[in-house]
Protein backbone atom coordinates (compact mmCIF):
# COMPACT_ATOMS: atom_id res chain seq x y z
CA MET A 1 93.51 106.20 129.72
CA LYS A 2 96.69 104.43 128.59
CA ALA A 3 98.92 106.08 125.98
CA LEU A 4 102.35 105.37 124.47
CA ARG A 5 104.24 108.63 124.92
CA TYR A 6 107.65 110.08 124.16
CA GLU A 7 108.57 112.81 126.65
CA ASN A 8 111.88 114.14 127.94
CA GLU A 9 113.79 111.58 125.84
CA ASN A 10 111.83 108.75 127.46
CA LEU A 11 109.42 106.29 125.82
CA ALA A 12 106.79 104.83 128.14
CA VAL A 13 103.15 103.76 128.43
CA ALA A 14 101.56 106.31 130.75
CA ASP A 15 98.21 107.02 132.40
CA VAL A 16 96.92 110.31 131.04
CA PRO A 17 93.54 112.08 130.93
CA ARG A 18 91.23 111.40 128.01
CA PRO A 19 91.40 114.13 125.36
CA GLU A 20 89.03 117.04 125.88
CA VAL A 21 86.79 117.21 122.84
CA ASN A 22 86.71 121.02 122.42
CA GLY A 23 84.51 120.86 119.33
CA GLU A 24 86.23 117.81 117.84
CA ALA A 25 85.34 114.13 117.70
CA LEU A 26 86.48 111.74 120.41
CA VAL A 27 87.47 108.39 118.86
CA ARG A 28 87.98 105.13 120.76
CA VAL A 29 90.98 103.50 119.10
CA THR A 30 90.54 99.82 118.26
CA LEU A 31 93.85 99.26 116.47
CA SER A 32 96.91 101.37 115.60
CA GLY A 33 100.02 100.74 113.53
CA ILE A 34 103.63 101.59 114.33
CA CYS A 35 105.25 103.58 111.53
CA ASN A 36 108.92 104.30 110.86
CA THR A 37 108.09 107.93 111.71
CA ASP A 38 107.16 106.82 115.24
CA LEU A 39 110.56 105.15 115.55
CA GLU A 40 112.33 108.29 114.35
CA ILE A 41 110.36 110.51 116.76
CA ALA A 42 111.44 108.23 119.62
CA ARG A 43 115.02 108.95 118.49
CA GLY A 44 114.41 112.69 118.70
CA TYR A 45 113.22 113.44 115.14
CA ALA A 46 111.07 116.59 114.72
CA GLY A 47 111.23 117.45 118.43
CA PHE A 48 107.78 116.00 119.11
CA GLN A 49 106.68 115.41 122.72
CA GLY A 50 103.50 113.50 123.52
CA THR A 51 101.48 110.49 122.42
CA LEU A 52 102.87 108.80 119.31
CA GLY A 53 101.01 107.26 116.38
CA HIS A 54 99.07 108.38 113.32
CA GLU A 55 97.83 105.12 111.75
CA PHE A 56 94.59 103.93 113.33
CA VAL A 57 91.06 102.64 113.04
CA GLY A 58 88.50 103.33 115.74
CA VAL A 59 84.92 104.09 116.70
CA ILE A 60 83.44 107.55 117.24
CA GLU A 61 82.75 107.88 120.95
CA SER A 62 81.33 111.38 121.00
CA VAL A 63 81.32 114.57 119.00
CA ARG A 64 80.11 118.11 119.55
CA ALA A 65 78.32 119.61 116.56
CA ASP A 66 76.17 122.75 116.43
CA GLY A 67 76.31 122.98 120.20
CA VAL A 68 74.88 119.47 120.70
CA LEU A 69 77.00 116.78 122.32
CA ALA A 70 76.26 113.33 120.93
CA ARG A 71 77.70 110.22 122.56
CA HIS A 72 78.03 106.57 121.62
CA ARG A 73 76.08 104.82 124.38
CA GLY A 74 76.35 101.27 123.09
CA PRO A 75 73.69 98.66 123.92
CA GLN A 76 71.53 99.69 126.87
CA ALA A 77 69.14 97.28 128.51
CA GLY A 78 65.56 98.49 128.35
CA SER A 79 66.34 101.34 125.99
CA PRO A 80 63.27 102.21 123.90
CA LEU A 81 65.54 103.25 121.05
CA GLY A 82 67.54 100.04 120.90
CA VAL A 83 70.79 99.62 119.03
CA GLY A 84 71.14 99.24 115.29
CA ARG A 85 73.60 97.39 113.08
CA LEU A 86 77.24 97.56 114.20
CA GLY A 87 76.12 98.85 117.61
CA ARG A 88 75.01 102.27 116.34
CA PRO A 89 72.43 103.92 118.58
CA GLN A 90 69.04 104.29 116.87
CA SER A 91 68.41 107.71 118.38
CA THR A 92 66.77 110.93 117.31
CA GLU A 93 69.99 112.92 117.76
CA PRO A 94 70.81 115.16 114.77
CA LEU A 95 72.84 113.84 111.87
CA LEU A 96 76.41 114.95 112.34
CA THR A 97 78.81 116.54 109.91
CA ARG A 98 79.65 114.30 106.91
CA GLY A 99 76.85 111.95 107.98
CA LEU A 100 78.93 110.42 110.77
CA ARG A 101 77.40 109.38 114.08
CA PRO A 102 78.71 108.11 117.40
CA GLY A 103 79.31 104.39 117.02
CA ASP A 104 80.55 104.65 113.44
CA ARG A 105 83.85 102.92 112.65
CA VAL A 106 86.29 105.43 111.17
CA VAL A 107 89.79 106.25 110.06
CA GLY A 108 91.17 109.77 110.15
CA GLU A 109 93.29 112.02 107.95
CA ILE A 110 96.17 113.17 110.11
CA ASN A 111 96.56 116.87 109.17
CA ALA A 112 94.20 119.15 111.11
CA GLY A 113 94.19 122.61 109.54
CA CYS A 114 93.18 125.99 110.91
CA GLY A 115 90.05 126.01 108.74
CA LEU A 116 90.56 129.67 107.81
CA CYS A 117 93.52 129.90 105.41
CA ASP A 118 93.19 129.62 101.63
CA LEU A 119 94.43 126.03 101.64
CA CYS A 120 91.91 124.92 104.26
CA ARG A 121 89.08 126.80 102.56
CA SER A 122 89.95 125.02 99.30
CA GLY A 123 89.51 121.67 101.07
CA ASP A 124 93.18 120.70 101.48
CA SER A 125 94.66 121.21 104.94
CA ARG A 126 97.74 119.10 104.26
CA HIS A 127 99.94 122.18 103.90
CA CYS A 128 98.09 124.59 106.18
CA PRO A 129 100.83 126.66 107.85
CA GLY A 130 99.02 126.40 111.20
CA ARG A 131 98.16 122.72 111.01
CA THR A 132 98.70 120.13 113.70
CA VAL A 133 99.55 116.57 112.68
CA LEU A 134 98.33 113.54 114.61
CA GLY A 135 101.18 112.14 116.69
CA ILE A 136 103.78 114.20 114.80
CA VAL A 137 103.23 117.97 115.22
CA GLY A 138 101.39 119.59 118.10
CA ARG A 139 98.71 116.91 118.55
CA ASP A 140 98.65 113.75 120.65
CA GLY A 141 98.47 110.64 118.52
CA ALA A 142 96.83 107.27 118.03
CA HIS A 143 98.83 104.88 120.24
CA ALA A 144 96.27 105.39 122.99
CA GLU A 145 92.83 104.28 124.08
CA PHE A 146 91.28 107.50 122.76
CA LEU A 147 92.24 110.31 120.38
CA LYS A 148 90.56 113.43 119.06
CA LEU A 149 90.33 114.84 115.54
CA PRO A 150 88.05 117.30 113.75
CA ILE A 151 84.97 115.49 112.44
CA VAL A 152 85.87 116.69 108.92
CA ASN A 153 89.04 114.55 109.12
CA LEU A 154 87.12 111.31 109.71
CA LEU A 155 85.95 108.88 107.04
CA PRO A 156 83.66 105.88 107.60
CA VAL A 157 85.17 102.44 107.08
CA PRO A 158 83.15 100.17 104.76
CA ASP A 159 81.87 97.00 106.41
CA GLU A 160 83.92 94.89 103.97
CA ILE A 161 87.22 96.11 105.45
CA PRO A 162 88.35 94.45 108.71
CA ASP A 163 90.23 96.50 111.29
CA GLU A 164 93.52 94.75 110.45
CA GLN A 165 93.29 96.17 106.93
CA ALA A 166 91.65 99.51 107.76
CA VAL A 167 94.61 100.41 109.97
CA PHE A 168 96.71 100.62 106.76
CA THR A 169 94.56 103.43 105.32
CA GLU A 170 97.01 106.21 106.18
CA PRO A 171 100.18 104.66 104.68
CA LEU A 172 98.17 103.40 101.70
CA ALA A 173 96.84 106.93 101.17
CA ALA A 174 100.43 108.16 101.20
CA ALA A 175 101.19 105.69 98.41
CA CYS A 176 98.11 106.89 96.51
CA GLY A 177 99.54 110.40 96.76
CA ILE A 178 101.99 109.47 94.00
CA LEU A 179 99.13 109.49 91.52
CA GLU A 180 98.18 113.01 92.67
CA ARG A 181 101.67 114.35 92.06
CA THR A 182 102.58 112.85 88.67
CA SER A 183 100.82 111.37 85.65
CA ILE A 184 101.30 107.63 85.09
CA ALA A 185 99.83 105.95 82.02
CA ARG A 186 99.77 102.32 80.88
CA ASP A 187 102.97 102.80 78.89
CA THR A 188 104.88 104.62 81.65
CA ARG A 189 107.83 102.54 82.82
CA VAL A 190 108.01 102.84 86.62
CA ALA A 191 110.53 101.65 89.19
CA VAL A 192 109.96 101.76 92.95
CA ILE A 193 113.08 101.66 95.14
CA GLY A 194 112.62 100.15 98.60
CA ASP A 195 110.98 96.88 99.63
CA GLY A 196 109.76 98.06 103.03
CA LYS A 197 106.11 98.62 103.90
CA LEU A 198 105.89 101.92 102.02
CA GLY A 199 107.68 100.64 98.93
CA LEU A 200 105.41 97.59 98.73
CA LEU A 201 102.32 99.79 98.99
CA CYS A 202 103.67 102.25 96.39
CA ALA A 203 104.42 99.47 93.90
CA GLN A 204 100.94 97.99 94.29
CA VAL A 205 99.19 101.35 93.91
CA VAL A 206 101.15 102.27 90.77
CA ALA A 207 100.42 98.82 89.33
CA THR A 208 96.67 99.55 89.47
CA THR A 209 97.21 102.05 86.62
CA GLY A 210 98.26 99.22 84.31
CA ALA A 211 101.77 100.64 84.00
CA PRO A 212 104.69 98.16 84.10
CA VAL A 213 106.23 98.41 87.58
CA THR A 214 109.52 97.05 88.92
CA LEU A 215 110.04 96.93 92.69
CA ILE A 216 113.71 97.11 93.67
CA GLY A 217 114.94 95.97 97.06
CA ARG A 218 117.41 93.91 99.06
CA HIS A 219 115.19 91.23 100.63
CA GLU A 220 113.86 88.32 98.58
CA ARG A 221 111.20 87.55 101.21
CA LYS A 222 109.74 91.04 101.01
CA LEU A 223 109.98 91.20 97.23
CA GLN A 224 107.92 88.01 97.02
CA ILE A 225 104.94 89.90 98.46
CA ALA A 226 104.93 92.10 95.35
CA ALA A 227 105.73 89.21 93.03
CA ARG A 228 102.60 87.39 94.21
CA ARG A 229 100.60 90.40 92.96
CA GLY A 230 102.19 90.10 89.49
CA ILE A 231 104.73 92.91 90.01
CA GLU A 232 108.22 92.50 88.58
CA THR A 233 110.95 92.58 91.23
CA ALA A 234 114.71 93.03 91.18
CA ILE A 235 117.55 92.90 93.67
CA VAL A 236 119.55 96.15 93.84
CA ASN A 237 122.59 94.61 92.14
CA GLN A 238 120.41 93.55 89.21
CA ALA A 239 118.77 96.98 88.97
CA THR A 240 122.08 98.79 88.56
CA LYS A 241 122.34 97.24 85.09
CA ARG A 242 119.13 98.98 83.96
CA ALA A 243 120.45 102.53 83.61
CA ARG A 244 118.18 105.10 81.89
CA GLU A 245 115.38 102.58 81.46
CA PHE A 246 112.54 104.15 83.47
CA ASP A 247 110.25 107.12 82.91
CA VAL A 248 109.33 107.48 86.61
CA VAL A 249 111.24 106.31 89.67
CA VAL A 250 109.69 106.38 93.14
CA GLU A 251 112.29 106.58 95.91
CA ALA A 252 110.75 104.86 98.96
CA SER A 253 113.85 103.59 100.75
CA GLY A 254 114.72 106.83 102.50
CA SER A 255 118.42 106.27 101.92
CA PRO A 256 121.00 108.40 100.06
CA THR A 257 122.00 105.32 98.04
CA GLY A 258 118.39 105.00 96.90
CA PHE A 259 118.45 108.59 95.65
CA ALA A 260 121.64 107.94 93.67
CA LEU A 261 120.23 104.72 92.20
CA ALA A 262 117.06 106.56 91.17
CA LEU A 263 119.08 109.02 89.09
CA ASP A 264 120.91 106.12 87.44
CA LEU A 265 117.64 104.43 86.47
CA LEU A 266 115.88 107.48 85.04
CA ARG A 267 115.89 108.34 81.37
CA PRO A 268 116.55 111.98 80.42
CA ARG A 269 113.50 114.13 81.27
CA GLY A 270 112.29 111.44 83.64
CA VAL A 271 110.45 112.06 86.92
CA LEU A 272 111.86 111.29 90.36
CA VAL A 273 109.21 111.03 93.10
CA LEU A 274 110.64 111.33 96.61
CA LYS A 275 108.31 109.37 98.88
CA SER A 276 110.52 109.13 101.99
CA THR A 277 112.14 111.83 104.05
CA PHE A 278 115.93 111.64 104.28
CA HIS A 279 117.10 111.77 107.89
CA ASP A 280 120.77 112.27 107.03
CA ALA A 281 122.39 114.84 104.78
CA THR A 282 122.13 113.77 101.15
CA ASP A 283 124.63 114.71 98.47
CA ILE A 284 122.77 115.74 95.32
CA ASP A 285 124.41 115.86 91.90
CA ALA A 286 122.57 118.98 90.82
CA ALA A 287 124.46 119.24 87.51
CA ARG A 288 123.21 115.81 86.51
CA ILE A 289 119.61 116.76 87.32
CA VAL A 290 119.98 119.89 85.20
CA VAL A 291 121.72 118.23 82.25
CA ASP A 292 119.25 115.31 82.10
CA GLU A 293 116.34 117.69 82.86
CA ILE A 294 115.05 115.47 85.65
CA SER A 295 111.85 116.58 87.42
CA VAL A 296 112.08 116.01 91.19
CA ILE A 297 108.73 115.80 92.98
CA GLY A 298 108.04 115.50 96.69
CA SER A 299 105.08 113.40 97.84
CA ARG A 300 103.86 113.14 101.43
CA CYS A 301 100.25 112.58 102.51
CA GLY A 302 97.51 111.38 100.18
CA ARG A 303 93.72 111.29 100.27
CA PHE A 304 92.03 108.56 102.32
CA ALA A 305 89.03 107.94 100.04
CA PRO A 306 91.01 106.24 97.23
CA ALA A 307 92.85 104.10 99.79
CA LEU A 308 89.57 102.90 101.30
CA GLU A 309 88.29 102.02 97.82
CA PHE A 310 91.39 99.93 97.14
CA LEU A 311 90.95 98.09 100.43
CA LYS A 312 87.23 97.60 99.92
CA HIS A 313 87.77 95.92 96.55
CA ASN A 314 90.85 93.94 97.65
CA LYS A 315 93.10 95.69 95.13
CA ILE A 316 96.02 95.97 97.57
CA ASP A 317 97.59 93.25 99.73
CA VAL A 318 98.18 94.63 103.23
CA GLN A 319 97.63 91.43 105.22
CA ASP A 320 101.08 90.10 104.27
CA LEU A 321 102.65 93.28 105.63
CA ILE A 322 101.66 92.50 109.24
CA SER A 323 104.40 91.00 111.37
CA GLU A 324 102.96 91.02 114.89
CA GLU A 325 100.34 92.51 117.20
CA PHE A 326 101.00 93.73 120.75
CA ALA A 327 98.77 95.03 123.52
CA LEU A 328 99.05 98.80 123.97
CA THR A 329 100.33 98.17 127.49
CA ASP A 330 103.34 96.45 125.86
CA GLY A 331 103.92 99.44 123.59
CA VAL A 332 107.57 99.93 124.49
CA SER A 333 108.37 96.31 123.59
CA ALA A 334 106.33 96.72 120.40
CA MET A 335 108.42 99.73 119.37
CA ALA A 336 111.62 97.78 119.99
CA ARG A 337 110.30 94.92 117.90
CA ALA A 338 109.26 97.26 115.08
CA ALA A 339 112.80 98.65 114.98
CA GLU A 340 114.36 95.24 114.34
CA SER A 341 115.69 94.45 110.88
CA GLY A 342 113.28 92.67 108.60
CA VAL A 343 110.19 93.33 110.72
CA MET A 344 107.19 94.69 108.83
CA LYS A 345 104.09 96.28 110.38
CA VAL A 346 103.63 95.96 114.14
CA LEU A 347 100.13 96.67 115.43
CA LEU A 348 98.96 97.88 118.85
CA ARG A 349 95.59 96.98 120.32
CA PRO A 350 94.30 98.97 123.32
């Protein structure tokens, strides 16, 4: 199969073997999205070697469960079983874990835990010390024709959600993670710093709570995406005049200047949610955090189910976040395009 890989400081589309299932589900990727993390990995971040990508939508090709290998056969002429809606085989093969069958359209949570530690046994593998992470840590990723994940990581995609929206499930789930980490009520004044893809998703998710949200950025064109959804927007220079106005500030720019601005905007005893990793060293005014009693909260991956519900009911605009689509075979050019200033989401289609 074809896969976009970063190995030995080289980014290339390579021919590699299909993943061996080894008890997991084999998924045929129909669409994947290039994330800023992919770009950072291709610059040497995290030391990852292998197939990139963690945002995807696909179709279950096969899965081994209880010692039985089930496969998605697709339409077969003369088959007495036939093929059901969406190309699902109408077979007598056993129902698989979580009710998923070969042929089902799915997205997948990216953290694959050991299944044995306390965190995994409690149903949350996101911080399992032995976890692999799709396209990021110890596991080949989604910019390929096929990938593998544990069946427990996969969620079915409702028919109402087209592939071009379903591919946003992972970053949208990350935005939903804010609501897991801090309480936001209708009277909570919230600012989101950063008008990139993540910031736009964060602002829209927080706005679903009914809280007043202000998205702060540097690009009028990007801010207009939020404004069309009824979200207040502000250019950075305007926002600097609103010191100590907000109860919660979400830092989604990933820049040290964004961190400093967040502290300026927060009222005493406010909450700072760090949504982006900082790739450079960041100076932190610890005395200020102590004196103003600021709570600093990290937020990484979120649950996929709430994200799928938002997409199903058209609560979040992701269509306007798409810049371009490339063939997987043009993956290197797609990565270069995604790295250009002002470009939003670039998609890859195998």
